[in-house]
Amino acid sequence: MVVTLFALLCAALLEVGGLAAIRYGLLRPASVALLAGSLALVAYGFVVNTNRGVEFGRLMGVYIAMFYLVSQVIGLAMFGDRPALPAVLGGILIVSGGALIQLMAR
């Protein structure tokens, strides 16, 4: 399970990082950032699917919780975005749902 969570963390870093690079490339015309973002998104697609032993719906449920957490950290670090209270409350529901999906599968 630790290996799966690590793979999902790497996938989330690639996806959110790729999206952030594309956003950066669009806000400040930077072809390198657009290319790097595109490559990161392709890599994300492969990494998130490396564990074929876990049911796809369960994998994505846990991944979405990981994605939310990573996106909040990168949004703050790269763009100075601070989540509003509704985003924090919704995030608690997302992460709780991911934990529930993982724990109930055992």
PDB file of N, CA and C in Angstrom:
ATOM      1  N   MET A   1       0.819  -1.206   0.000  1.00  0.00           N
ATOM      2  CA  MET A   1       0.000   0.000   0.000  1.00  0.00           C
ATOM      3  C   MET A   1       0.859   1.265   0.000  1.00  0.00           C
ATOM      4  N   VAL A   2       1.977   1.218   0.706  1.00  0.00           N
ATOM      5  CA  VAL A   2       2.872   2.376   0.758  1.00  0.00           C
ATOM      6  C   VAL A   2       3.396   2.695  -0.641  1.00  0.00           C
ATOM      7  N   VAL A   3       3.696   1.647  -1.410  1.00  0.00           N
ATOM      8  CA  VAL A   3       4.194   1.847  -2.774  1.00  0.00           C
ATOM      9  C   VAL A   3       3.118   2.528  -3.621  1.00  0.00           C
ATOM     10  N   THR A   4       1.883   2.082  -3.465  1.00  0.00           N
ATOM     11  CA  THR A   4       0.780   2.687  -4.219  1.00  0.00           C
ATOM     12  C   THR A   4       0.599   4.153  -3.840  1.00  0.00           C
ATOM     13  N   LEU A   5       0.622   4.470  -2.554  1.00  0.00           N
ATOM     14  CA  LEU A   5       0.479   5.866  -2.128  1.00  0.00           C
ATOM     15  C   LEU A   5       1.633   6.729  -2.634  1.00  0.00           C
ATOM     16  N   PHE A   6       2.846   6.173  -2.640  1.00  0.00           N
ATOM     17  CA  PHE A   6       3.991   6.915  -3.171  1.00  0.00           C
ATOM     18  C   PHE A   6       3.814   7.173  -4.667  1.00  0.00           C
ATOM     19  N   ALA A   7       3.340   6.159  -5.406  1.00  0.00           N
ATOM     20  CA  ALA A   7       3.097   6.339  -6.845  1.00  0.00           C
ATOM     21  C   ALA A   7       2.021   7.396  -7.077  1.00  0.00           C
ATOM     22  N   LEU A   8       0.985   7.390  -6.248  1.00  0.00           N
ATOM     23  CA  LEU A   8      -0.074   8.392  -6.391  1.00  0.00           C
ATOM     24  C   LEU A   8       0.443   9.789  -6.053  1.00  0.00           C
ATOM     25  N   LEU A   9       1.319   9.891  -5.074  1.00  0.00           N
ATOM     26  CA  LEU A   9       1.926  11.181  -4.749  1.00  0.00           C
ATOM     27  C   LEU A   9       2.760  11.686  -5.923  1.00  0.00           C
ATOM     28  N   CYS A  10       3.555  10.805  -6.513  1.00  0.00           N
ATOM     29  CA  CYS A  10       4.360  11.185  -7.688  1.00  0.00           C
ATOM     30  C   CYS A  10       3.457  11.606  -8.847  1.00  0.00           C
ATOM     31  N   ALA A  11       2.375  10.848  -9.061  1.00  0.00           N
ATOM     32  CA  ALA A  11       1.439  11.185 -10.131  1.00  0.00           C
ATOM     33  C   ALA A  11       0.807  12.554  -9.891  1.00  0.00           C
ATOM     34  N   ALA A  12       0.416  12.818  -8.651  1.00  0.00           N
ATOM     35  CA  ALA A  12      -0.192  14.117  -8.329  1.00  0.00           C
ATOM     36  C   ALA A  12       0.808  15.253  -8.534  1.00  0.00           C
ATOM     37  N   LEU A  13       2.054  15.025  -8.140  1.00  0.00           N
ATOM     38  CA  LEU A  13       3.080  16.053  -8.359  1.00  0.00           C
ATOM     39  C   LEU A  13       3.286  16.318  -9.846  1.00  0.00           C
ATOM     40  N   LEU A  14       3.283  15.248 -10.647  1.00  0.00           N
ATOM     41  CA  LEU A  14       3.432  15.425 -12.096  1.00  0.00           C
ATOM     42  C   LEU A  14       2.223  16.142 -12.694  1.00  0.00           C
ATOM     43  N   GLU A  15       1.018  15.737 -12.290  1.00  0.00           N
ATOM     44  CA  GLU A  15      -0.178  16.360 -12.879  1.00  0.00           C
ATOM     45  C   GLU A  15      -0.310  17.820 -12.467  1.00  0.00           C
ATOM     46  N   VAL A  16      -0.248  18.079 -11.178  1.00  0.00           N
ATOM     47  CA  VAL A  16      -0.403  19.461 -10.710  1.00  0.00           C
ATOM     48  C   VAL A  16       0.770  20.314 -11.172  1.00  0.00           C
ATOM     49  N   GLY A  17       1.976  19.764 -11.120  1.00  0.00           N
ATOM     50  CA  GLY A  17       3.139  20.501 -11.611  1.00  0.00           C
ATOM     51  C   GLY A  17       3.025  20.800 -13.094  1.00  0.00           C
ATOM     52  N   GLY A  18       2.549  19.817 -13.856  1.00  0.00           N
ATOM     53  CA  GLY A  18       2.353  20.030 -15.296  1.00  0.00           C
ATOM     54  C   GLY A  18       1.317  21.100 -15.582  1.00  0.00           C
ATOM     55  N   LEU A  19       0.220  21.050 -14.847  1.00  0.00           N
ATOM     56  CA  LEU A  19      -0.821  22.071 -15.023  1.00  0.00           C
ATOM     57  C   LEU A  19      -0.306  23.456 -14.625  1.00  0.00           C
ATOM     58  N   ALA A  20       0.464  23.512 -13.536  1.00  0.00           N
ATOM     59  CA  ALA A  20       1.026  24.794 -13.093  1.00  0.00           C
ATOM     60  C   ALA A  20       2.024  25.329 -14.122  1.00  0.00           C
ATOM     61  N   ALA A  21       2.822  24.436 -14.703  1.00  0.00           N
ATOM     62  CA  ALA A  21       3.785  24.874 -15.725  1.00  0.00           C
ATOM     63  C   ALA A  21       3.059  25.425 -16.950  1.00  0.00           C
ATOM     64  N   ILE A  22       1.987  24.769 -17.355  1.00  0.00           N
ATOM     65  CA  ILE A  22       1.211  25.266 -18.501  1.00  0.00           C
ATOM     66  C   ILE A  22       0.586  26.615 -18.166  1.00  0.00           C
ATOM     67  N   ARG A  23       0.044  26.732 -16.967  1.00  0.00           N
ATOM     68  CA  ARG A  23      -0.538  28.021 -16.558  1.00  0.00           C
ATOM     69  C   ARG A  23       0.530  29.117 -16.573  1.00  0.00           C
ATOM     70  N   TYR A  24       1.700  28.797 -16.025  1.00  0.00           N
ATOM     71  CA  TYR A  24       2.815  29.745 -16.030  1.00  0.00           C
ATOM     72  C   TYR A  24       3.182  30.120 -17.458  1.00  0.00           C
ATOM     73  N   GLY A  25       3.252  29.126 -18.346  1.00  0.00           N
ATOM     74  CA  GLY A  25       3.609  29.371 -19.744  1.00  0.00           C
ATOM     75  C   GLY A  25       2.581  30.211 -20.488  1.00  0.00           C
ATOM     76  N   LEU A  26       1.329  30.115 -20.083  1.00  0.00           N
ATOM     77  CA  LEU A  26       0.285  30.924 -20.721  1.00  0.00           C
ATOM     78  C   LEU A  26       0.253  32.350 -20.173  1.00  0.00           C
ATOM     79  N   LEU A  27       0.534  32.499 -18.882  1.00  0.00           N
ATOM     80  CA  LEU A  27       0.521  33.832 -18.274  1.00  0.00           C
ATOM     81  C   LEU A  27       1.733  34.660 -18.696  1.00  0.00           C
ATOM     82  N   ARG A  28       2.872  34.014 -18.819  1.00  0.00           N
ATOM     83  CA  ARG A  28       4.115  34.664 -19.241  1.00  0.00           C
ATOM     84  C   ARG A  28       4.626  33.840 -20.401  1.00  0.00           C
ATOM     85  N   PRO A  29       4.340  34.233 -21.608  1.00  0.00           N
ATOM     86  CA  PRO A  29       4.690  33.372 -22.748  1.00  0.00           C
ATOM     87  C   PRO A  29       6.072  32.718 -22.583  1.00  0.00           C
ATOM     88  N   ALA A  30       6.028  31.422 -22.308  1.00  0.00           N
ATOM     89  CA  ALA A  30       7.252  30.662 -22.075  1.00  0.00           C
ATOM     90  C   ALA A  30       7.066  29.277 -22.684  1.00  0.00           C
ATOM     91  N   SER A  31       7.622  29.092 -23.856  1.00  0.00           N
ATOM     92  CA  SER A  31       7.472  27.821 -24.575  1.00  0.00           C
ATOM     93  C   SER A  31       8.051  26.649 -23.795  1.00  0.00           C
ATOM     94  N   VAL A  32       9.138  26.867 -23.087  1.00  0.00           N
ATOM     95  CA  VAL A  32       9.760  25.794 -22.317  1.00  0.00           C
ATOM     96  C   VAL A  32       8.806  25.301 -21.230  1.00  0.00           C
ATOM     97  N   ALA A  33       8.138  26.225 -20.561  1.00  0.00           N
ATOM     98  CA  ALA A  33       7.187  25.848 -19.511  1.00  0.00           C
ATOM     99  C   ALA A  33       6.023  25.065 -20.110  1.00  0.00           C
ATOM    100  N   LEU A  34       5.541  25.476 -21.274  1.00  0.00           N
ATOM    101  CA  LEU A  34       4.442  24.757 -21.934  1.00  0.00           C
ATOM    102  C   LEU A  34       4.864  23.338 -22.312  1.00  0.00           C
ATOM    103  N   LEU A  35       6.053  23.193 -22.841  1.00  0.00           N
ATOM    104  CA  LEU A  35       6.562  21.877 -23.216  1.00  0.00           C
ATOM    105  C   LEU A  35       6.769  21.001 -21.980  1.00  0.00           C
ATOM    106  N   ALA A  36       7.379  21.557 -20.945  1.00  0.00           N
ATOM    107  CA  ALA A  36       7.616  20.801 -19.707  1.00  0.00           C
ATOM    108  C   ALA A  36       6.292  20.370 -19.089  1.00  0.00           C
ATOM    109  N   GLY A  37       5.314  21.258 -19.096  1.00  0.00           N
ATOM    110  CA  GLY A  37       3.999  20.922 -18.556  1.00  0.00           C
ATOM    111  C   GLY A  37       3.343  19.802 -19.335  1.00  0.00           C
ATOM    112  N   SER A  38       3.452  19.859 -20.645  1.00  0.00           N
ATOM    113  CA  SER A  38       2.871  18.810 -21.493  1.00  0.00           C
ATOM    114  C   SER A  38       3.521  17.457 -21.226  1.00  0.00           C
ATOM    115  N   LEU A  39       4.838  17.438 -21.121  1.00  0.00           N
ATOM    116  CA  LEU A  39       5.553  16.185 -20.843  1.00  0.00           C
ATOM    117  C   LEU A  39       5.208  15.639 -19.460  1.00  0.00           C
ATOM    118  N   ALA A  40       5.061  16.529 -18.479  1.00  0.00           N
ATOM    119  CA  ALA A  40       4.694  16.096 -17.131  1.00  0.00           C
ATOM    120  C   ALA A  40       3.306  15.469 -17.117  1.00  0.00           C
ATOM    121  N   LEU A  41       2.382  16.013 -17.908  1.00  0.00           N
ATOM    122  CA  LEU A  41       1.029  15.456 -17.944  1.00  0.00           C
ATOM    123  C   LEU A  41       1.001  14.075 -18.596  1.00  0.00           C
ATOM    124  N   VAL A  42       1.810  13.872 -19.609  1.00  0.00           N
ATOM    125  CA  VAL A  42       1.907  12.544 -20.224  1.00  0.00           C
ATOM    126  C   VAL A  42       2.505  11.559 -19.219  1.00  0.00           C
ATOM    127  N   ALA A  43       3.564  11.986 -18.525  1.00  0.00           N
ATOM    128  CA  ALA A  43       4.195  11.122 -17.529  1.00  0.00           C
ATOM    129  C   ALA A  43       3.211  10.780 -16.410  1.00  0.00           C
ATOM    130  N   TYR A  44       2.414  11.750 -15.992  1.00  0.00           N
ATOM    131  CA  TYR A  44       1.398  11.507 -14.962  1.00  0.00           C
ATOM    132  C   TYR A  44       0.473  10.367 -15.366  1.00  0.00           C
ATOM    133  N   GLY A  45       0.032  10.373 -16.619  1.00  0.00           N
ATOM    134  CA  GLY A  45      -0.881   9.339 -17.102  1.00  0.00           C
ATOM    135  C   GLY A  45      -0.303   7.940 -16.966  1.00  0.00           C
ATOM    136  N   PHE A  46       0.984   7.826 -17.177  1.00  0.00           N
ATOM    137  CA  PHE A  46       1.627   6.518 -17.027  1.00  0.00           C
ATOM    138  C   PHE A  46       1.805   6.153 -15.553  1.00  0.00           C
ATOM    139  N   VAL A  47       2.259   7.104 -14.751  1.00  0.00           N
ATOM    140  CA  VAL A  47       2.540   6.816 -13.341  1.00  0.00           C
ATOM    141  C   VAL A  47       1.274   6.455 -12.578  1.00  0.00           C
ATOM    142  N   VAL A  48       0.192   7.176 -12.817  1.00  0.00           N
ATOM    143  CA  VAL A  48      -1.035   6.911 -12.063  1.00  0.00           C
ATOM    144  C   VAL A  48      -1.596   5.525 -12.378  1.00  0.00           C
ATOM    145  N   ASN A  49      -1.231   4.989 -13.522  1.00  0.00           N
ATOM    146  CA  ASN A  49      -1.740   3.671 -13.914  1.00  0.00           C
ATOM    147  C   ASN A  49      -0.741   2.544 -13.722  1.00  0.00           C
ATOM    148  N   THR A  50       0.342   2.772 -12.990  1.00  0.00           N
ATOM    149  CA  THR A  50       1.339   1.717 -12.801  1.00  0.00           C
ATOM    150  C   THR A  50       0.820   0.573 -11.949  1.00  0.00           C
ATOM    151  N   ASN A  51      -0.069   0.847 -11.017  1.00  0.00           N
ATOM    152  CA  ASN A  51      -0.593  -0.205 -10.148  1.00  0.00           C
ATOM    153  C   ASN A  51      -1.909  -0.718 -10.716  1.00  0.00           C
ATOM    154  N   ARG A  52      -1.816  -1.784 -11.472  1.00  0.00           N
ATOM    155  CA  ARG A  52      -3.026  -2.344 -12.092  1.00  0.00           C
ATOM    156  C   ARG A  52      -3.715  -3.346 -11.177  1.00  0.00           C
ATOM    157  N   GLY A  53      -3.131  -3.594  -9.989  1.00  0.00           N
ATOM    158  CA  GLY A  53      -3.718  -4.533  -9.045  1.00  0.00           C
ATOM    159  C   GLY A  53      -4.826  -3.923  -8.205  1.00  0.00           C
ATOM    160  N   VAL A  54      -4.943  -2.600  -8.250  1.00  0.00           N
ATOM    161  CA  VAL A  54      -5.981  -1.912  -7.485  1.00  0.00           C
ATOM    162  C   VAL A  54      -7.103  -1.539  -8.445  1.00  0.00           C
ATOM    163  N   GLU A  55      -8.323  -1.794  -8.027  1.00  0.00           N
ATOM    164  CA  GLU A  55      -9.501  -1.447  -8.840  1.00  0.00           C
ATOM    165  C   GLU A  55      -9.424   0.030  -9.236  1.00  0.00           C
ATOM    166  N   PHE A  56      -9.700   0.327 -10.509  1.00  0.00           N
ATOM    167  CA  PHE A  56      -9.522   1.675 -11.053  1.00  0.00           C
ATOM    168  C   PHE A  56     -10.319   2.720 -10.274  1.00  0.00           C
ATOM    169  N   GLY A  57     -11.575   2.449  -9.962  1.00  0.00           N
ATOM    170  CA  GLY A  57     -12.401   3.416  -9.230  1.00  0.00           C
ATOM    171  C   GLY A  57     -11.844   3.717  -7.852  1.00  0.00           C
ATOM    172  N   ARG A  58     -11.374   2.694  -7.160  1.00  0.00           N
ATOM    173  CA  ARG A  58     -10.775   2.884  -5.837  1.00  0.00           C
ATOM    174  C   ARG A  58      -9.475   3.675  -5.957  1.00  0.00           C
ATOM    175  N   LEU A  59      -8.667   3.327  -6.933  1.00  0.00           N
ATOM    176  CA  LEU A  59      -7.409   4.030  -7.162  1.00  0.00           C
ATOM    177  C   LEU A  59      -7.657   5.517  -7.410  1.00  0.00           C
ATOM    178  N   MET A  60      -8.625   5.823  -8.256  1.00  0.00           N
ATOM    179  CA  MET A  60      -8.915   7.223  -8.575  1.00  0.00           C
ATOM    180  C   MET A  60      -9.519   7.957  -7.384  1.00  0.00           C
ATOM    181  N   GLY A  61     -10.313   7.266  -6.575  1.00  0.00           N
ATOM    182  CA  GLY A  61     -10.877   7.896  -5.379  1.00  0.00           C
ATOM    183  C   GLY A  61      -9.796   8.355  -4.418  1.00  0.00           C
ATOM    184  N   VAL A  62      -8.820   7.500  -4.193  1.00  0.00           N
ATOM    185  CA  VAL A  62      -7.703   7.849  -3.319  1.00  0.00           C
ATOM    186  C   VAL A  62      -6.827   8.909  -4.002  1.00  0.00           C
ATOM    187  N   TYR A  63      -6.644   8.774  -5.321  1.00  0.00           N
ATOM    188  CA  TYR A  63      -5.821   9.728  -6.049  1.00  0.00           C
ATOM    189  C   TYR A  63      -6.405  11.140  -5.980  1.00  0.00           C
ATOM    190  N   ILE A  64      -7.705  11.264  -6.069  1.00  0.00           N
ATOM    191  CA  ILE A  64      -8.327  12.588  -6.044  1.00  0.00           C
ATOM    192  C   ILE A  64      -8.038  13.296  -4.723  1.00  0.00           C
ATOM    193  N   ALA A  65      -8.033  12.552  -3.622  1.00  0.00           N
ATOM    194  CA  ALA A  65      -7.682  13.149  -2.328  1.00  0.00           C
ATOM    195  C   ALA A  65      -6.233  13.628  -2.354  1.00  0.00           C
ATOM    196  N   MET A  66      -5.347  12.797  -2.894  1.00  0.00           N
ATOM    197  CA  MET A  66      -3.929  13.160  -2.998  1.00  0.00           C
ATOM    198  C   MET A  66      -3.768  14.378  -3.913  1.00  0.00           C
ATOM    199  N   PHE A  67      -4.496  14.387  -5.027  1.00  0.00           N
ATOM    200  CA  PHE A  67      -4.451  15.497  -5.979  1.00  0.00           C
ATOM    201  C   PHE A  67      -4.858  16.802  -5.298  1.00  0.00           C
ATOM    202  N   TYR A  68      -5.924  16.761  -4.506  1.00  0.00           N
ATOM    203  CA  TYR A  68      -6.393  17.967  -3.823  1.00  0.00           C
ATOM    204  C   TYR A  68      -5.300  18.531  -2.914  1.00  0.00           C
ATOM    205  N   LEU A  69      -4.697  17.662  -2.109  1.00  0.00           N
ATOM    206  CA  LEU A  69      -3.669  18.121  -1.170  1.00  0.00           C
ATOM    207  C   LEU A  69      -2.465  18.715  -1.896  1.00  0.00           C
ATOM    208  N   VAL A  70      -1.995  18.027  -2.915  1.00  0.00           N
ATOM    209  CA  VAL A  70      -0.830  18.514  -3.668  1.00  0.00           C
ATOM    210  C   VAL A  70      -1.168  19.824  -4.380  1.00  0.00           C
ATOM    211  N   SER A  71      -2.375  19.934  -4.928  1.00  0.00           N
ATOM    212  CA  SER A  71      -2.730  21.163  -5.648  1.00  0.00           C
ATOM    213  C   SER A  71      -2.798  22.367  -4.714  1.00  0.00           C
ATOM    214  N   GLN A  72      -3.206  22.161  -3.476  1.00  0.00           N
ATOM    215  CA  GLN A  72      -3.245  23.278  -2.529  1.00  0.00           C
ATOM    216  C   GLN A  72      -1.835  23.746  -2.194  1.00  0.00           C
ATOM    217  N   VAL A  73      -0.922  22.797  -2.003  1.00  0.00           N
ATOM    218  CA  VAL A  73       0.463  23.150  -1.678  1.00  0.00           C
ATOM    219  C   VAL A  73       1.125  23.866  -2.856  1.00  0.00           C
ATOM    220  N   ILE A  74       0.956  23.340  -4.059  1.00  0.00           N
ATOM    221  CA  ILE A  74       1.588  23.962  -5.238  1.00  0.00           C
ATOM    222  C   ILE A  74       0.941  25.306  -5.551  1.00  0.00           C
ATOM    223  N   GLY A  75      -0.374  25.409  -5.392  1.00  0.00           N
ATOM    224  CA  GLY A  75      -1.049  26.689  -5.617  1.00  0.00           C
ATOM    225  C   GLY A  75      -0.528  27.778  -4.694  1.00  0.00           C
ATOM    226  N   LEU A  76      -0.280  27.410  -3.456  1.00  0.00           N
ATOM    227  CA  LEU A  76       0.269  28.371  -2.501  1.00  0.00           C
ATOM    228  C   LEU A  76       1.717  28.702  -2.844  1.00  0.00           C
ATOM    229  N   ALA A  77       2.509  27.676  -3.135  1.00  0.00           N
ATOM    230  CA  ALA A  77       3.940  27.882  -3.391  1.00  0.00           C
ATOM    231  C   ALA A  77       4.214  28.642  -4.686  1.00  0.00           C
ATOM    232  N   MET A  78       3.489  28.311  -5.748  1.00  0.00           N
ATOM    233  CA  MET A  78       3.794  28.922  -7.059  1.00  0.00           C
ATOM    234  C   MET A  78       3.029  30.206  -7.337  1.00  0.00           C
ATOM    235  N   PHE A  79       1.790  30.268  -6.847  1.00  0.00           N
ATOM    236  CA  PHE A  79       0.947  31.410  -7.223  1.00  0.00           C
ATOM    237  C   PHE A  79       0.463  32.238  -6.026  1.00  0.00           C
ATOM    238  N   GLY A  80       0.823  31.825  -4.820  1.00  0.00           N
ATOM    239  CA  GLY A  80       0.393  32.557  -3.631  1.00  0.00           C
ATOM    240  C   GLY A  80      -1.084  32.405  -3.327  1.00  0.00           C
ATOM    241  N   ASP A  81      -1.722  31.395  -3.899  1.00  0.00           N
ATOM    242  CA  ASP A  81      -3.156  31.176  -3.666  1.00  0.00           C
ATOM    243  C   ASP A  81      -3.386  30.582  -2.281  1.00  0.00           C
ATOM    244  N   ARG A  82      -4.262  31.202  -1.536  1.00  0.00           N
ATOM    245  CA  ARG A  82      -4.672  30.654  -0.239  1.00  0.00           C
ATOM    246  C   ARG A  82      -6.128  30.213  -0.381  1.00  0.00           C
ATOM    247  N   PRO A  83      -6.411  28.954  -0.039  1.00  0.00           N
ATOM    248  CA  PRO A  83      -7.782  28.477  -0.217  1.00  0.00           C
ATOM    249  C   PRO A  83      -8.752  29.170   0.743  1.00  0.00           C
ATOM    250  N   ALA A  84      -9.912  29.519   0.223  1.00  0.00           N
ATOM    251  CA  ALA A  84     -10.964  30.115   1.042  1.00  0.00           C
ATOM    252  C   ALA A  84     -11.598  29.016   1.894  1.00  0.00           C
ATOM    253  N   LEU A  85     -12.373  29.427   2.879  1.00  0.00           N
ATOM    254  CA  LEU A  85     -13.001  28.478   3.797  1.00  0.00           C
ATOM    255  C   LEU A  85     -13.813  27.396   3.073  1.00  0.00           C
ATOM    256  N   PRO A  86     -14.624  27.742   2.058  1.00  0.00           N
ATOM    257  CA  PRO A  86     -15.363  26.677   1.364  1.00  0.00           C
ATOM    258  C   PRO A  86     -14.437  25.641   0.715  1.00  0.00           C
ATOM    259  N   ALA A  87     -13.298  26.084   0.204  1.00  0.00           N
ATOM    260  CA  ALA A  87     -12.344  25.146  -0.401  1.00  0.00           C
ATOM    261  C   ALA A  87     -11.722  24.250   0.664  1.00  0.00           C
ATOM    262  N   VAL A  88     -11.458  24.803   1.817  1.00  0.00           N
ATOM    263  CA  VAL A  88     -10.895  24.000   2.918  1.00  0.00           C
ATOM    264  C   VAL A  88     -11.928  22.980   3.400  1.00  0.00           C
ATOM    265  N   LEU A  89     -13.159  23.427   3.589  1.00  0.00           N
ATOM    266  CA  LEU A  89     -14.211  22.509   4.049  1.00  0.00           C
ATOM    267  C   LEU A  89     -14.476  21.416   3.006  1.00  0.00           C
ATOM    268  N   GLY A  90     -14.534  21.803   1.752  1.00  0.00           N
ATOM    269  CA  GLY A  90     -14.697  20.814   0.684  1.00  0.00           C
ATOM    270  C   GLY A  90     -13.515  19.865   0.627  1.00  0.00           C
ATOM    271  N   GLY A  91     -12.308  20.396   0.851  1.00  0.00           N
ATOM    272  CA  GLY A  91     -11.108  19.567   0.869  1.00  0.00           C
ATOM    273  C   GLY A  91     -11.140  18.537   1.981  1.00  0.00           C
ATOM    274  N   ILE A  92     -11.687  18.924   3.124  1.00  0.00           N
ATOM    275  CA  ILE A  92     -11.834  17.966   4.228  1.00  0.00           C
ATOM    276  C   ILE A  92     -12.741  16.817   3.798  1.00  0.00           C
ATOM    277  N   LEU A  93     -13.801  17.140   3.087  1.00  0.00           N
ATOM    278  CA  LEU A  93     -14.700  16.091   2.582  1.00  0.00           C
ATOM    279  C   LEU A  93     -13.993  15.209   1.551  1.00  0.00           C
ATOM    280  N   ILE A  94     -13.217  15.814   0.673  1.00  0.00           N
ATOM    281  CA  ILE A  94     -12.488  15.058  -0.358  1.00  0.00           C
ATOM    282  C   ILE A  94     -11.496  14.094   0.286  1.00  0.00           C
ATOM    283  N   VAL A  95     -10.691  14.606   1.207  1.00  0.00           N
ATOM    284  CA  VAL A  95      -9.678  13.768   1.854  1.00  0.00           C
ATOM    285  C   VAL A  95     -10.344  12.697   2.717  1.00  0.00           C
ATOM    286  N   SER A  96     -11.417  13.050   3.400  1.00  0.00           N
ATOM    287  CA  SER A  96     -12.152  12.055   4.194  1.00  0.00           C
ATOM    288  C   SER A  96     -12.719  10.964   3.290  1.00  0.00           C
ATOM    289  N   GLY A  97     -13.223  11.349   2.142  1.00  0.00           N
ATOM    290  CA  GLY A  97     -13.746  10.372   1.180  1.00  0.00           C
ATOM    291  C   GLY A  97     -12.660   9.445   0.674  1.00  0.00           C
ATOM    292  N   GLY A  98     -11.483   9.994   0.369  1.00  0.00           N
ATOM    293  CA  GLY A  98     -10.361   9.165  -0.079  1.00  0.00           C
ATOM    294  C   GLY A  98      -9.936   8.183   0.993  1.00  0.00           C
ATOM    295  N   ALA A  99      -9.895   8.648   2.244  1.00  0.00           N
ATOM    296  CA  ALA A  99      -9.531   7.767   3.354  1.00  0.00           C
ATOM    297  C   ALA A  99     -10.584   6.672   3.530  1.00  0.00           C
ATOM    298  N   LEU A 100     -11.839   7.039   3.415  1.00  0.00           N
ATOM    299  CA  LEU A 100     -12.919   6.071   3.551  1.00  0.00           C
ATOM    300  C   LEU A 100     -12.843   4.997   2.461  1.00  0.00           C
ATOM    301  N   ILE A 101     -12.598   5.423   1.245  1.00  0.00           N
ATOM    302  CA  ILE A 101     -12.457   4.474   0.128  1.00  0.00           C
ATOM    303  C   ILE A 101     -11.319   3.502   0.403  1.00  0.00           C
ATOM    304  N   GLN A 102     -10.213   4.022   0.886  1.00  0.00           N
ATOM    305  CA  GLN A 102      -9.051   3.167   1.134  1.00  0.00           C
ATOM    306  C   GLN A 102      -9.287   2.231   2.316  1.00  0.00           C
ATOM    307  N   LEU A 103      -9.799   2.765   3.412  1.00  0.00           N
ATOM    308  CA  LEU A 103      -9.959   1.955   4.608  1.00  0.00           C
ATOM    309  C   LEU A 103     -11.063   0.915   4.507  1.00  0.00           C
ATOM    310  N   MET A 104     -12.138   1.244   3.802  1.00  0.00           N
ATOM    311  CA  MET A 104     -13.261   0.314   3.680  1.00  0.00           C
ATOM    312  C   MET A 104     -12.956  -0.826   2.700  1.00  0.00           C
ATOM    313  N   ALA A 105     -11.919  -0.663   1.906  1.00  0.00           N
ATOM    314  CA  ALA A 105     -11.574  -1.701   0.921  1.00  0.00           C
ATOM    315  C   ALA A 105     -10.860  -2.883   1.585  1.00  0.00           C
ATOM    316  N   ARG A 106     -10.422  -2.707   2.794  1.00  0.00           N
ATOM    317  CA  ARG A 106      -9.665  -3.763   3.487  1.00  0.00           C
ATOM    318  C   ARG A 106     -10.558  -4.804   4.072  1.00  0.00           C
TER     319      ARG A 106
END
